[in-house]
Amino acid sequence: MTERPDQSPITSPRSERVRKVAALAGRSARRKQQMFRVEGPQSIRSLLAHRADLAREVFTTARADGAHPELTDLARTAGIAVHEVEDQIIRAMVREDAAGKTPDGASADGANPDGANPDGGQASGTLTSPQGVLALGRLPAEDPSAAVSAIAALPSGQPLTMVVLHEVRDPGNVGTLIRTADAAGADLVILTRTCADPYAPKAVRASVGSLFHLPVVTGAEIDEVLEALRSAQVTAAATSGYAQAELFTAELPSRIAWILGNEAHGLDQRTLEAAPLAVRIPLAGHAESLNVHTAATVCLFETLRRRQAGE
């Protein structure tokens, strides 16, 4: 049974409730509390309009409520608690100190080797400007078999586009790639267990609401995903600078899953060899390669262009 949100007013930025929200910068805190936070009106609007089943409560200032009254309306229509708080409360909910720790002293886990917090922490002060509004969502359960089930549930015999993220480690990249997949009309996004958490604050911000627009499945094993794609007659496609076929002239199947790899190293050789289709993006200048987001954008929108052109 889900615990009902505390309805008592929040008056201190040092209160336990504020500290718990701030602690959601860390993956271990998200798992322990089974919650994640959503910052800013656009993302919260998407949460409430498309995935109200995940929404738990909304915190807003009087000024933000005046600027975005539809958020309160959406929340109350869905039976979601709304709390009006001072701006300092919202700021405290998204603040970390210079050591990458939340106000309760807990480390934001999963730090990058260079010491930067992968969930978006800066040297000190506020992490973002949530524009006076913040929401809490219920963290979906991570089921290793969910990816295989999601692929099996896709309609057969129809064109579709999928995105599979494998070892994409930066939450900002994860969120941006989800946003791009959404913009290009993807039907499903799957993240392997070695990817950054799409419910990290930085990833949620970078997705700008797209996290709630299309199915996003986490915790998958790449071998199981590739096998499930074969069974569903979906072609796994990868990009490689050594591929013989060029993206713009290669034949792209109507049922395609773009496999996107690690920011620094791309896809491992084993995964590349397992993908039935490999293409290279032609580069006209002197750049050796494209970053994962740019490559994904080119591939996804070339897929969309062909589909709209009936090719």
Protein backbone atom coordinates (compact mmCIF):
# COMPACT_ATOMS: atom_id res chain seq x y z
CA MET A 1 0.00 0.00 0.00
CA THR A 2 1.39 3.43 -0.98
CA GLU A 3 1.98 5.80 1.91
CA ARG A 4 -0.06 8.99 1.68
CA PRO A 5 2.01 12.19 1.30
CA ASP A 6 2.45 14.35 4.39
CA GLN A 7 -0.06 17.22 4.16
CA SER A 8 1.50 19.41 6.88
CA PRO A 9 2.96 22.79 5.78
CA ILE A 10 6.69 23.03 5.07
CA THR A 11 8.12 26.17 6.64
CA SER A 12 11.85 25.43 7.01
CA PRO A 13 14.38 24.66 4.25
CA ARG A 14 16.12 22.44 6.81
CA SER A 15 13.11 20.25 7.47
CA GLU A 16 13.35 16.49 7.10
CA ARG A 17 10.95 16.48 4.13
CA VAL A 18 13.10 19.01 2.27
CA ARG A 19 16.25 17.02 3.01
CA LYS A 20 14.66 13.85 1.66
CA VAL A 21 13.73 15.57 -1.61
CA ALA A 22 17.26 16.99 -1.95
CA ALA A 23 18.70 13.53 -1.31
CA LEU A 24 16.95 12.25 -4.45
CA ALA A 25 19.99 13.52 -6.36
CA GLY A 26 21.54 10.18 -5.39
CA ARG A 27 20.52 6.87 -6.93
CA SER A 28 20.61 5.03 -3.61
CA ALA A 29 18.19 7.57 -2.10
CA ARG A 30 15.85 7.22 -5.06
CA ARG A 31 15.82 3.46 -4.63
CA LYS A 32 15.38 3.68 -0.87
CA GLN A 33 12.51 6.19 -1.07
CA GLN A 34 11.16 4.73 -4.34
CA MET A 35 10.75 8.29 -5.61
CA PHE A 36 12.34 10.72 -8.07
CA ARG A 37 11.95 14.45 -8.56
CA VAL A 38 10.77 16.45 -11.55
CA GLU A 39 11.77 20.10 -11.90
CA GLY A 40 10.23 22.90 -13.93
CA PRO A 41 6.77 23.55 -15.39
CA GLN A 42 7.22 21.86 -18.77
CA SER A 43 8.41 18.55 -17.32
CA ILE A 44 5.77 18.58 -14.60
CA ARG A 45 3.06 19.35 -17.14
CA SER A 46 4.14 16.27 -19.10
CA LEU A 47 4.21 14.14 -15.96
CA LEU A 48 0.69 15.16 -14.95
CA ALA A 49 -0.77 15.02 -18.46
CA HIS A 50 0.80 11.75 -19.60
CA ARG A 51 1.89 9.78 -16.51
CA ALA A 52 -0.26 11.00 -13.65
CA ASP A 53 -0.08 7.45 -12.30
CA LEU A 54 3.55 8.16 -11.37
CA ALA A 55 2.92 11.59 -9.82
CA ARG A 56 2.92 11.73 -6.03
CA GLU A 57 2.87 15.40 -5.00
CA VAL A 58 3.60 18.88 -6.34
CA PHE A 59 5.35 21.79 -4.61
CA THR A 60 4.77 25.27 -6.00
CA THR A 61 5.29 28.89 -5.02
CA ALA A 62 2.50 31.45 -5.22
CA ARG A 63 4.26 33.15 -8.14
CA ALA A 64 4.70 29.88 -10.04
CA ASP A 65 1.07 28.97 -9.41
CA GLY A 66 0.02 32.30 -10.88
CA ALA A 67 2.19 31.75 -13.96
CA HIS A 68 1.18 28.11 -14.46
CA PRO A 69 -2.26 27.56 -12.91
CA GLU A 70 -2.84 24.59 -15.22
CA LEU A 71 -0.34 22.54 -13.20
CA THR A 72 -2.43 22.83 -10.05
CA ASP A 73 -5.57 22.06 -12.04
CA LEU A 74 -4.01 18.97 -13.60
CA ALA A 75 -2.69 17.77 -10.25
CA ARG A 76 -5.95 18.20 -8.37
CA THR A 77 -7.95 16.61 -11.18
CA ALA A 78 -5.69 13.57 -10.85
CA GLY A 79 -5.98 13.60 -7.06
CA ILE A 80 -2.35 14.64 -6.57
CA ALA A 81 -1.50 16.68 -3.47
CA VAL A 82 -0.35 20.26 -4.13
CA HIS A 83 1.68 22.21 -1.53
CA GLU A 84 2.28 25.95 -1.75
CA VAL A 85 5.71 26.78 -0.31
CA GLU A 86 8.17 29.67 -0.22
CA ASP A 87 10.80 29.94 -2.95
CA GLN A 88 13.58 29.13 -0.48
CA ILE A 89 11.97 25.72 0.09
CA ILE A 90 12.08 24.89 -3.63
CA ARG A 91 15.71 26.06 -3.83
CA ALA A 92 16.69 23.89 -0.88
CA MET A 93 15.10 20.87 -2.52
CA VAL A 94 17.52 21.04 -5.46
CA ARG A 95 20.71 22.10 -3.69
CA GLU A 96 23.96 20.25 -3.14
CA ASP A 97 27.16 21.44 -1.50
CA ALA A 98 30.64 21.65 -3.02
CA ALA A 99 31.45 18.06 -2.06
CA GLY A 100 28.58 16.78 -4.19
CA LYS A 101 26.50 16.03 -1.11
CA THR A 102 22.88 16.72 -0.44
CA PRO A 103 21.82 18.86 2.55
CA ASP A 104 21.44 15.71 4.68
CA GLY A 105 25.10 14.85 4.12
CA ALA A 106 24.51 11.87 1.84
CA SER A 107 26.77 11.56 -1.19
CA ALA A 108 25.15 11.76 -4.60
CA ASP A 109 26.31 8.33 -5.72
CA GLY A 110 27.67 7.28 -9.07
CA ALA A 111 30.19 10.10 -9.41
CA ASN A 112 32.21 10.39 -12.59
CA PRO A 113 35.98 9.74 -12.39
CA ASP A 114 36.66 13.48 -12.62
CA GLY A 115 34.64 14.08 -9.48
CA ALA A 116 31.65 15.67 -11.17
CA ASN A 117 28.30 14.42 -9.97
CA PRO A 118 26.72 12.59 -12.94
CA ASP A 119 23.25 13.54 -11.74
CA GLY A 120 23.95 17.19 -12.48
CA GLY A 121 25.65 18.64 -9.40
CA GLN A 122 27.66 21.81 -9.76
CA ALA A 123 30.41 23.18 -7.54
CA SER A 124 27.90 24.56 -5.07
CA GLY A 125 24.54 26.30 -4.80
CA THR A 126 21.37 25.41 -6.66
CA LEU A 127 21.50 22.71 -9.29
CA THR A 128 18.85 24.23 -11.50
CA SER A 129 16.24 26.93 -11.64
CA PRO A 130 13.02 24.91 -11.31
CA GLN A 131 10.98 28.11 -11.80
CA GLY A 132 9.24 27.72 -8.48
CA VAL A 133 7.67 24.34 -9.08
CA LEU A 134 8.81 20.80 -8.34
CA ALA A 135 7.08 17.42 -8.27
CA LEU A 136 7.80 14.02 -6.82
CA GLY A 137 7.10 10.87 -8.76
CA ARG A 138 6.91 7.22 -7.86
CA LEU A 139 9.97 5.37 -9.15
CA PRO A 140 8.90 2.59 -11.53
CA ALA A 141 10.08 -0.86 -10.54
CA GLU A 142 13.13 -2.08 -12.42
CA ASP A 143 12.35 -5.45 -13.98
CA PRO A 144 15.15 -7.13 -16.00
CA SER A 145 12.54 -8.97 -18.07
CA ALA A 146 10.54 -5.81 -18.86
CA ALA A 147 12.49 -5.05 -22.04
CA VAL A 148 11.82 -8.46 -23.56
CA SER A 149 8.13 -8.15 -22.64
CA ALA A 150 7.93 -4.64 -24.11
CA ILE A 151 9.44 -5.78 -27.40
CA ALA A 152 7.13 -8.80 -27.56
CA ALA A 153 4.13 -6.53 -27.01
CA LEU A 154 4.93 -4.32 -30.02
CA PRO A 155 2.44 -4.64 -32.89
CA SER A 156 3.61 -7.08 -35.54
CA GLY A 157 3.82 -6.31 -39.23
CA GLN A 158 3.85 -2.54 -38.75
CA PRO A 159 6.67 -0.02 -39.22
CA LEU A 160 8.26 1.03 -35.95
CA THR A 161 11.35 2.70 -34.56
CA MET A 162 13.09 1.81 -31.34
CA VAL A 163 16.12 3.17 -29.51
CA VAL A 164 18.36 0.97 -27.36
CA LEU A 165 20.91 2.72 -25.15
CA HIS A 166 23.84 0.53 -24.11
CA GLU A 167 26.47 1.76 -21.65
CA VAL A 168 25.45 5.42 -22.06
CA ARG A 169 26.81 6.65 -18.74
CA ASP A 170 26.00 10.35 -18.56
CA PRO A 171 22.49 11.20 -17.27
CA GLY A 172 22.37 14.34 -19.38
CA ASN A 173 23.01 12.30 -22.51
CA VAL A 174 20.40 9.74 -21.47
CA GLY A 175 17.77 12.45 -21.01
CA THR A 176 18.67 14.22 -24.26
CA LEU A 177 18.58 10.96 -26.21
CA ILE A 178 15.12 10.17 -24.81
CA ARG A 179 13.98 13.64 -25.90
CA THR A 180 15.39 13.10 -29.39
CA ALA A 181 13.76 9.66 -29.65
CA ASP A 182 10.45 11.26 -28.68
CA ALA A 183 10.85 14.06 -31.24
CA ALA A 184 11.62 11.54 -33.98
CA GLY A 185 8.52 9.48 -33.18
CA ALA A 186 10.20 6.45 -31.60
CA ASP A 187 7.85 3.80 -30.22
CA LEU A 188 10.05 2.55 -27.39
CA VAL A 189 13.33 3.35 -25.62
CA ILE A 190 15.26 0.62 -23.82
CA LEU A 191 18.22 1.19 -21.49
CA THR A 192 20.58 -1.61 -20.57
CA ARG A 193 21.52 -1.99 -16.91
CA THR A 194 24.92 -0.33 -17.55
CA CYS A 195 23.30 2.98 -18.53
CA ALA A 196 22.84 6.00 -16.29
CA ASP A 197 19.52 6.25 -14.47
CA PRO A 198 16.90 8.08 -16.58
CA TYR A 199 15.23 9.15 -13.30
CA ALA A 200 18.31 11.03 -12.09
CA PRO A 201 17.46 14.75 -11.82
CA LYS A 202 19.86 15.69 -14.62
CA ALA A 203 18.35 13.07 -16.95
CA VAL A 204 14.78 14.11 -16.12
CA ARG A 205 15.64 17.76 -16.79
CA ALA A 206 17.39 16.94 -20.06
CA SER A 207 14.41 14.95 -21.32
CA VAL A 208 12.15 18.04 -20.81
CA GLY A 209 9.08 15.87 -20.32
CA SER A 210 9.82 13.29 -23.01
CA LEU A 211 10.52 10.70 -20.31
CA PHE A 212 6.74 10.65 -19.78
CA HIS A 213 5.71 10.72 -23.45
CA LEU A 214 6.83 7.26 -24.60
CA PRO A 215 7.64 3.93 -22.98
CA VAL A 216 11.10 3.89 -21.37
CA VAL A 217 12.32 0.54 -20.04
CA THR A 218 15.42 0.14 -17.86
CA GLY A 219 17.63 -2.64 -16.53
CA ALA A 220 17.87 -4.69 -19.74
CA GLU A 221 20.61 -7.10 -20.80
CA ILE A 222 21.88 -6.35 -24.31
CA ASP A 223 22.04 -10.01 -25.39
CA GLU A 224 18.43 -10.58 -24.36
CA VAL A 225 17.35 -7.39 -26.13
CA LEU A 226 19.05 -8.42 -29.39
CA GLU A 227 17.42 -11.85 -29.25
CA ALA A 228 13.99 -10.32 -28.53
CA LEU A 229 14.42 -7.95 -31.49
CA ARG A 230 15.16 -10.89 -33.79
CA SER A 231 12.08 -12.71 -32.54
CA ALA A 232 9.93 -9.61 -33.16
CA GLN A 233 11.41 -9.14 -36.65
CA VAL A 234 12.96 -5.82 -35.69
CA THR A 235 16.37 -5.12 -37.21
CA ALA A 236 19.05 -3.96 -34.79
CA ALA A 237 21.06 -1.20 -36.47
CA ALA A 238 24.36 0.27 -35.33
CA THR A 239 26.62 3.03 -36.55
CA SER A 240 30.30 2.40 -37.17
CA GLY A 241 32.96 4.45 -38.88
CA TYR A 242 34.17 1.22 -40.49
CA ALA A 243 30.82 0.13 -41.92
CA GLN A 244 30.70 -0.21 -45.71
CA ALA A 245 27.12 1.05 -46.09
CA GLU A 246 26.39 4.76 -45.77
CA LEU A 247 23.32 5.86 -43.80
CA PHE A 248 21.84 8.02 -46.57
CA THR A 249 22.05 5.35 -49.28
CA ALA A 250 21.65 2.12 -47.29
CA GLU A 251 18.31 0.34 -47.29
CA LEU A 252 16.72 0.84 -43.88
CA PRO A 253 14.10 -1.71 -42.76
CA SER A 254 10.67 -0.47 -41.70
CA ARG A 255 11.08 -2.10 -38.28
CA ILE A 256 14.34 -0.81 -36.88
CA ALA A 257 16.04 -0.45 -33.50
CA TRP A 258 18.99 1.95 -33.36
CA ILE A 259 21.60 0.65 -30.88
CA LEU A 260 23.55 3.54 -29.33
CA GLY A 261 26.70 3.01 -27.29
CA ASN A 262 29.05 4.56 -24.77
CA GLU A 263 29.98 8.24 -25.16
CA ALA A 264 33.74 7.61 -25.32
CA HIS A 265 34.04 4.14 -26.85
CA GLY A 266 30.84 3.60 -28.81
CA LEU A 267 29.49 0.07 -29.03
CA ASP A 268 31.68 -2.85 -28.01
CA GLN A 269 32.83 -5.12 -30.84
CA ARG A 270 30.61 -8.01 -29.72
CA THR A 271 27.46 -5.89 -29.90
CA LEU A 272 28.51 -4.38 -33.22
CA GLU A 273 28.99 -7.84 -34.70
CA ALA A 274 25.63 -9.00 -33.33
CA ALA A 275 23.73 -6.16 -35.04
CA PRO A 276 22.43 -7.30 -38.45
CA LEU A 277 22.84 -3.80 -39.90
CA ALA A 278 25.78 -1.40 -39.54
CA VAL A 279 26.02 1.96 -41.31
CA ARG A 280 28.41 4.86 -41.23
CA ILE A 281 27.41 8.51 -41.26
CA PRO A 282 29.39 10.25 -44.02
CA LEU A 283 31.50 13.12 -42.73
CA ALA A 284 32.51 15.88 -45.12
CA GLY A 285 34.94 17.80 -42.90
CA HIS A 286 37.94 16.84 -40.80
CA ALA A 287 36.07 15.67 -37.70
CA GLU A 288 36.85 12.03 -36.92
CA SER A 289 33.44 11.20 -35.47
CA LEU A 290 30.16 12.49 -34.07
CA ASN A 291 29.08 12.35 -30.43
CA VAL A 292 26.40 9.85 -29.51
CA HIS A 293 23.58 12.39 -29.42
CA THR A 294 24.40 13.91 -32.79
CA ALA A 295 24.76 10.47 -34.38
CA ALA A 296 21.43 9.41 -32.88
CA THR A 297 19.73 12.55 -34.17
CA VAL A 298 21.00 12.00 -37.72
CA CYS A 299 19.94 8.33 -37.74
CA LEU A 300 16.54 8.85 -36.16
CA PHE A 301 15.54 11.74 -38.38
CA GLU A 302 16.78 9.98 -41.52
CA THR A 303 14.50 7.12 -40.47
CA LEU A 304 11.63 9.57 -39.96
CA ARG A 305 12.30 11.34 -43.27
CA ARG A 306 12.13 8.09 -45.21
CA ARG A 307 8.97 6.96 -43.45
CA GLN A 308 7.22 10.24 -44.21
CA ALA A 309 8.41 10.07 -47.83
CA GLY A 310 7.12 6.52 -48.11
CA GLU A 311 10.59 5.18 -48.95
